[in-house]
Amino acid sequence: MIELGREDWSLTLRPELGAAVTRLTWRGRDILRPAPDGATHPLETGSFPLVPYANRIDRGAFVFHGRSVALPPTPGFEPHALHGVGWMQAWTVLQTGPASVDLGLAAYATADWPWAWTASCRLDLEADGLRVALSITNDDAESMPAGLGLHPYFAIEPGTVLSVATGQVWLNDDTEIPMRLAPASTVMDWADGATVSAAPFVDNAYAGWDGRALLRHARHDVTLTASANTGWMQVYAPGAGGFVCLEPVTHRPNAHNAPSGEDTGLAVLAPGQTLSMSMQITASERIPTPGEDR
């Protein structure tokens, strides 16, 4: 386990558990859902990287440049492949300091992803919050599809309000594969702010978000911002568990099977090319508006 600290912020990280953040606090308050002691799976943690793709690929199958690819299903999410490879691998610590760490992951072509690649993930605790930079480089002799994402589980309170400006949402089939775009209000429109615990179950990708999300707690605000190439936000609000996932991603779910010509965000990396993204989490004390309970 790696521990970082700077001013009001502290972070713990387990590189061997998919480079997962197990705790992030600001002034002693949990910003991300804390992992239980002895956590054995990234889904129990506070955040982890998604590489070389994000979210689901329908039945793990797609065709790329005339090549048929069949990925094994992710256990617990059958029949689909989910979240790439990086979250299930041990990452190497390349460099660490009091408030930062650089991680690396080298992957050969395997059944899980039939191209060779390397990834890097840098976490910096800055004076105003956490910055995460994630990248992937194609080390293969052939071009490959590539995508990135980050999967933070934000801690929420009973009255936490989420504000995310988005235009549309992907509607899923009964196996959670997106089928068509619809107005955000068809599922849940967060643009004007909505209480997370009172919202219906949501596990959908939103398109056209502006790169910023705000969580308003009783006594503090938490803001998520992400790089401009994360044009999709996957929101997972299960209604229980004391968290909401706000996942900035560079492509929509199942982009590998999208119709030709659709702007899915999925990158095609030639040998040696790199795709990068970043995310920042900040926090501030709240000043209640007149008449608002604190």
Protein backbone atom coordinates (compact mmCIF):
# COMPACT_ATOMS: atom_id res chain seq x y z
CA MET A 1 0.00 0.00 0.00
CA ILE A 2 1.19 3.50 -0.85
CA GLU A 3 0.22 6.52 1.21
CA LEU A 4 0.36 10.08 -0.09
CA GLY A 5 -0.37 13.33 1.70
CA ARG A 6 -0.40 17.04 1.03
CA GLU A 7 -1.93 19.77 3.19
CA ASP A 8 -5.63 18.86 3.67
CA TRP A 9 -5.50 15.79 1.42
CA SER A 10 -4.51 12.17 1.99
CA LEU A 11 -4.66 9.15 -0.31
CA THR A 12 -3.96 5.44 -0.08
CA LEU A 13 -3.32 3.32 -3.15
CA ARG A 14 -2.83 -0.36 -3.90
CA PRO A 15 -0.87 -0.82 -7.13
CA GLU A 16 -1.25 -4.59 -6.97
CA LEU A 17 -5.06 -4.27 -6.94
CA GLY A 18 -5.50 -2.73 -10.36
CA ALA A 19 -3.90 0.58 -9.31
CA ALA A 20 -6.94 1.18 -7.12
CA VAL A 21 -7.33 4.15 -4.79
CA THR A 22 -8.52 2.70 -1.50
CA ARG A 23 -9.11 5.99 0.28
CA LEU A 24 -9.13 9.70 -0.53
CA THR A 25 -9.86 12.21 2.23
CA TRP A 26 -9.99 15.99 2.51
CA ARG A 27 -9.89 17.51 5.99
CA GLY A 28 -10.69 14.07 7.34
CA ARG A 29 -13.79 13.61 5.18
CA ASP A 30 -14.07 10.73 2.73
CA ILE A 31 -14.25 12.11 -0.80
CA LEU A 32 -14.28 8.68 -2.41
CA ARG A 33 -15.89 5.58 -0.97
CA PRO A 34 -13.30 4.00 1.34
CA ALA A 35 -12.36 0.40 0.64
CA PRO A 36 -12.90 -2.08 3.46
CA ASP A 37 -9.87 -3.50 5.19
CA GLY A 38 -8.63 -6.50 3.26
CA ALA A 39 -10.39 -5.59 0.01
CA THR A 40 -9.64 -8.18 -2.67
CA HIS A 41 -11.38 -6.72 -5.73
CA PRO A 42 -11.21 -3.29 -7.41
CA LEU A 43 -15.02 -3.06 -7.27
CA GLU A 44 -14.66 -2.69 -3.49
CA THR A 45 -12.38 0.34 -3.78
CA GLY A 46 -12.66 4.07 -4.40
CA SER A 47 -11.35 4.40 -7.96
CA PHE A 48 -9.41 2.53 -10.64
CA PRO A 49 -8.25 3.08 -14.24
CA LEU A 50 -9.99 1.68 -17.32
CA VAL A 51 -7.59 0.63 -20.10
CA PRO A 52 -7.44 -0.28 -23.03
CA TYR A 53 -11.19 0.28 -23.18
CA ALA A 54 -13.97 1.46 -20.89
CA ASN A 55 -17.27 -0.15 -19.93
CA ARG A 56 -18.89 -2.97 -21.91
CA ILE A 57 -18.15 -4.59 -25.25
CA ASP A 58 -21.16 -6.61 -26.38
CA ARG A 59 -20.32 -10.28 -25.79
CA GLY A 60 -16.67 -9.32 -26.04
CA ALA A 61 -16.83 -9.55 -29.83
CA PHE A 62 -16.03 -7.02 -32.54
CA VAL A 63 -14.31 -6.66 -35.90
CA PHE A 64 -11.40 -4.25 -36.30
CA HIS A 65 -9.78 -3.61 -39.69
CA GLY A 66 -11.17 -6.91 -40.93
CA ARG A 67 -9.92 -8.86 -37.91
CA SER A 68 -12.46 -10.71 -35.78
CA VAL A 69 -11.80 -10.32 -32.06
CA ALA A 70 -13.41 -12.43 -29.33
CA LEU A 71 -12.58 -11.36 -25.77
CA PRO A 72 -13.43 -13.60 -22.81
CA PRO A 73 -16.38 -12.45 -20.68
CA THR A 74 -15.56 -10.63 -17.47
CA PRO A 75 -16.57 -12.79 -14.48
CA GLY A 76 -19.77 -11.48 -12.96
CA PHE A 77 -20.65 -9.49 -16.06
CA GLU A 78 -21.23 -12.29 -18.56
CA PRO A 79 -21.62 -12.41 -21.49
CA HIS A 80 -19.80 -9.10 -21.95
CA ALA A 81 -16.21 -7.92 -21.60
CA LEU A 82 -15.97 -5.03 -19.14
CA HIS A 83 -13.55 -2.18 -18.33
CA GLY A 84 -10.50 -3.47 -20.15
CA VAL A 85 -7.49 -5.23 -18.68
CA GLY A 86 -5.73 -2.76 -16.40
CA TRP A 87 -8.12 -2.98 -13.46
CA MET A 88 -7.40 -6.72 -13.13
CA GLN A 89 -3.60 -6.41 -13.20
CA ALA A 90 -0.86 -5.50 -10.74
CA TRP A 91 0.80 -2.22 -11.72
CA THR A 92 4.48 -1.44 -11.24
CA VAL A 93 5.54 1.50 -9.08
CA LEU A 94 7.92 3.53 -11.25
CA GLN A 95 8.47 6.48 -8.93
CA THR A 96 6.93 7.78 -5.74
CA GLY A 97 7.21 10.86 -3.55
CA PRO A 98 5.39 12.35 -0.57
CA ALA A 99 2.47 13.55 -2.72
CA SER A 100 2.77 11.73 -6.06
CA VAL A 101 3.23 8.33 -7.62
CA ASP A 102 3.92 7.06 -11.13
CA LEU A 103 2.62 3.62 -12.08
CA GLY A 104 3.21 1.55 -15.19
CA LEU A 105 1.71 -1.54 -16.79
CA ALA A 106 3.13 -3.49 -19.74
CA ALA A 107 0.84 -5.95 -21.51
CA TYR A 108 1.61 -8.50 -24.18
CA ALA A 109 -0.96 -9.61 -26.73
CA THR A 110 -3.23 -12.11 -24.98
CA ALA A 111 -6.77 -13.43 -25.23
CA ASP A 112 -7.87 -10.51 -23.04
CA TRP A 113 -6.58 -8.01 -25.63
CA PRO A 114 -4.80 -9.24 -28.77
CA TRP A 115 -2.42 -6.29 -29.09
CA ALA A 116 0.65 -5.30 -27.08
CA TRP A 117 0.52 -2.03 -25.15
CA THR A 118 1.83 -0.13 -22.16
CA ALA A 119 -0.04 2.19 -19.83
CA SER A 120 1.01 4.81 -17.33
CA CYS A 121 -0.95 6.36 -14.49
CA ARG A 122 0.26 9.31 -12.42
CA LEU A 123 -1.52 10.47 -9.28
CA ASP A 124 -0.68 13.87 -7.81
CA LEU A 125 -2.03 15.32 -4.61
CA GLU A 126 -2.01 19.06 -5.21
CA ALA A 127 -2.91 21.82 -2.80
CA ASP A 128 -6.49 21.87 -4.07
CA GLY A 129 -7.07 18.19 -4.76
CA LEU A 130 -6.19 15.05 -6.69
CA ARG A 131 -5.07 14.97 -10.30
CA VAL A 132 -4.90 11.68 -12.21
CA ALA A 133 -3.26 11.36 -15.63
CA LEU A 134 -3.75 8.12 -17.58
CA SER A 135 -2.26 7.11 -20.92
CA ILE A 136 -1.87 4.11 -23.22
CA THR A 137 0.75 3.51 -25.93
CA ASN A 138 0.41 0.98 -28.72
CA ASP A 139 3.46 -1.29 -28.57
CA ASP A 140 2.14 -3.65 -31.22
CA ALA A 141 3.25 -3.96 -34.84
CA GLU A 142 -0.32 -3.23 -35.97
CA SER A 143 -2.86 -0.49 -35.28
CA MET A 144 -5.30 -1.11 -32.45
CA PRO A 145 -8.47 0.44 -31.05
CA ALA A 146 -7.97 2.21 -27.74
CA GLY A 147 -9.95 3.96 -25.05
CA LEU A 148 -9.46 5.18 -21.51
CA GLY A 149 -11.52 5.98 -18.47
CA LEU A 150 -11.41 6.47 -14.72
CA HIS A 151 -13.91 4.91 -12.34
CA PRO A 152 -14.26 6.95 -9.12
CA TYR A 153 -16.87 6.01 -6.51
CA PHE A 154 -17.80 9.28 -4.84
CA ALA A 155 -18.98 9.11 -1.24
CA ILE A 156 -22.45 10.62 -0.78
CA GLU A 157 -24.72 11.62 2.09
CA PRO A 158 -28.53 11.22 2.21
CA GLY A 159 -29.03 14.73 0.84
CA THR A 160 -26.12 14.96 -1.61
CA VAL A 161 -27.09 16.77 -4.81
CA LEU A 162 -25.41 15.94 -8.13
CA SER A 163 -25.20 18.45 -10.98
CA VAL A 164 -23.94 17.29 -14.38
CA ALA A 165 -24.78 19.13 -17.59
CA THR A 166 -25.38 16.62 -20.39
CA GLY A 167 -27.42 16.63 -23.55
CA GLN A 168 -28.34 13.02 -24.17
CA VAL A 169 -28.19 9.59 -22.60
CA TRP A 170 -27.73 6.13 -24.05
CA LEU A 171 -30.66 3.80 -23.40
CA ASN A 172 -29.59 0.22 -22.66
CA ASP A 173 -31.02 -3.14 -23.59
CA ASP A 174 -31.72 -5.71 -20.88
CA THR A 175 -28.04 -6.73 -20.83
CA GLU A 176 -26.81 -3.13 -20.28
CA ILE A 177 -25.61 -2.60 -23.86
CA PRO A 178 -26.48 0.89 -25.20
CA MET A 179 -28.97 0.85 -28.05
CA ARG A 180 -29.97 4.43 -28.85
CA LEU A 181 -29.60 8.04 -27.74
CA ALA A 182 -32.46 9.86 -26.03
CA PRO A 183 -32.92 13.13 -24.12
CA ALA A 184 -31.21 12.97 -20.72
CA SER A 185 -34.59 13.29 -18.98
CA THR A 186 -35.61 9.89 -20.39
CA VAL A 187 -33.43 8.30 -17.69
CA MET A 188 -32.42 11.09 -15.30
CA ASP A 189 -31.49 14.69 -16.04
CA TRP A 190 -28.88 15.96 -13.58
CA ALA A 191 -28.38 19.35 -15.23
CA ASP A 192 -30.29 21.38 -12.63
CA GLY A 193 -29.15 19.23 -9.71
CA ALA A 194 -30.88 16.20 -8.23
CA THR A 195 -30.61 14.36 -4.92
CA VAL A 196 -28.68 11.18 -5.67
CA SER A 197 -30.35 9.01 -3.03
CA ALA A 198 -33.81 9.93 -4.35
CA ALA A 199 -32.99 9.21 -8.00
CA PRO A 200 -34.04 6.06 -9.83
CA PHE A 201 -31.47 3.37 -10.59
CA VAL A 202 -29.05 4.69 -13.21
CA ASP A 203 -26.28 2.85 -15.08
CA ASN A 204 -26.05 4.79 -18.31
CA ALA A 205 -23.61 6.70 -20.48
CA TYR A 206 -24.35 10.39 -20.96
CA ALA A 207 -23.19 12.15 -24.11
CA GLY A 208 -22.24 15.78 -24.55
CA TRP A 209 -21.24 16.55 -20.99
CA ASP A 210 -19.15 19.67 -20.46
CA GLY A 211 -16.32 18.04 -18.51
CA ARG A 212 -17.50 19.10 -15.05
CA ALA A 213 -19.62 17.54 -12.32
CA LEU A 214 -20.52 18.94 -8.89
CA LEU A 215 -21.54 17.09 -5.73
CA ARG A 216 -23.07 19.32 -3.06
CA HIS A 217 -22.92 17.80 0.40
CA ALA A 218 -24.26 19.33 3.60
CA ARG A 219 -20.99 21.06 4.53
CA HIS A 220 -18.73 20.78 1.50
CA ASP A 221 -18.71 20.59 -2.28
CA VAL A 222 -16.75 18.17 -4.44
CA THR A 223 -15.98 18.97 -8.07
CA LEU A 224 -14.86 16.59 -10.79
CA THR A 225 -13.30 17.94 -13.97
CA ALA A 226 -11.82 15.96 -16.84
CA SER A 227 -9.89 16.54 -20.04
CA ALA A 228 -11.75 17.66 -23.15
CA ASN A 229 -11.42 14.27 -24.86
CA THR A 230 -13.65 12.59 -22.26
CA GLY A 231 -16.86 13.34 -24.10
CA TRP A 232 -18.90 10.71 -22.27
CA MET A 233 -19.80 10.35 -18.61
CA GLN A 234 -20.94 6.98 -17.30
CA VAL A 235 -23.17 7.50 -14.26
CA TYR A 236 -23.81 4.58 -11.92
CA ALA A 237 -26.26 5.50 -9.16
CA PRO A 238 -27.53 2.27 -7.56
CA GLY A 239 -29.56 4.02 -4.87
CA ALA A 240 -27.74 2.23 -2.05
CA GLY A 241 -24.22 1.80 -0.77
CA GLY A 242 -23.49 5.45 -0.02
CA PHE A 243 -21.81 6.24 -3.34
CA VAL A 244 -22.30 7.36 -6.92
CA CYS A 245 -19.91 6.55 -9.77
CA LEU A 246 -19.08 9.38 -12.17
CA GLU A 247 -16.82 7.89 -14.82
CA PRO A 248 -15.20 10.17 -17.41
CA VAL A 249 -14.40 8.07 -20.49
CA THR A 250 -12.97 8.77 -23.93
CA HIS A 251 -15.52 6.65 -25.79
CA ARG A 252 -19.06 5.43 -25.37
CA PRO A 253 -19.81 1.86 -24.23
CA ASN A 254 -19.65 -0.76 -26.98
CA ALA A 255 -18.03 1.75 -29.31
CA HIS A 256 -16.21 -1.16 -30.96
CA ASN A 257 -19.53 -2.29 -32.48
CA ALA A 258 -20.92 1.12 -33.42
CA PRO A 259 -22.21 1.80 -36.94
CA SER A 260 -19.63 3.08 -39.38
CA GLY A 261 -19.34 6.86 -39.31
CA GLU A 262 -20.57 7.38 -35.74
CA ASP A 263 -18.41 9.60 -33.56
CA THR A 264 -17.89 7.18 -30.69
CA GLY A 265 -14.64 8.61 -29.34
CA LEU A 266 -12.84 5.31 -29.85
CA ALA A 267 -9.26 6.01 -30.91
CA VAL A 268 -7.20 4.09 -33.44
CA LEU A 269 -3.56 4.07 -32.39
CA ALA A 270 -0.86 3.32 -34.93
CA PRO A 271 2.23 1.55 -33.59
CA GLY A 272 3.98 3.88 -31.15
CA GLN A 273 1.06 6.29 -30.78
CA THR A 274 -0.29 7.33 -27.37
CA LEU A 275 -3.73 8.30 -26.06
CA SER A 276 -4.02 10.27 -22.81
CA MET A 277 -6.68 11.68 -20.50
CA SER A 278 -6.81 13.35 -17.10
CA MET A 279 -9.18 13.95 -14.21
CA GLN A 280 -9.10 16.30 -11.23
CA ILE A 281 -11.05 16.11 -7.98
CA THR A 282 -11.28 19.20 -5.76
CA ALA A 283 -13.22 20.09 -2.61
CA SER A 284 -14.31 23.24 -0.80
CA GLU A 285 -16.32 24.24 2.23
CA ARG A 286 -19.92 25.11 1.48
CA ILE A 287 -21.54 28.46 2.13
CA PRO A 288 -25.27 27.71 2.39
CA THR A 289 -27.63 29.93 0.45
CA PRO A 290 -30.19 31.97 2.44
CA GLY A 291 -32.84 29.69 3.88
CA GLU A 292 -30.84 26.53 3.22
CA ASP A 293 -30.28 24.13 6.11
CA ARG A 294 -26.67 23.44 6.92
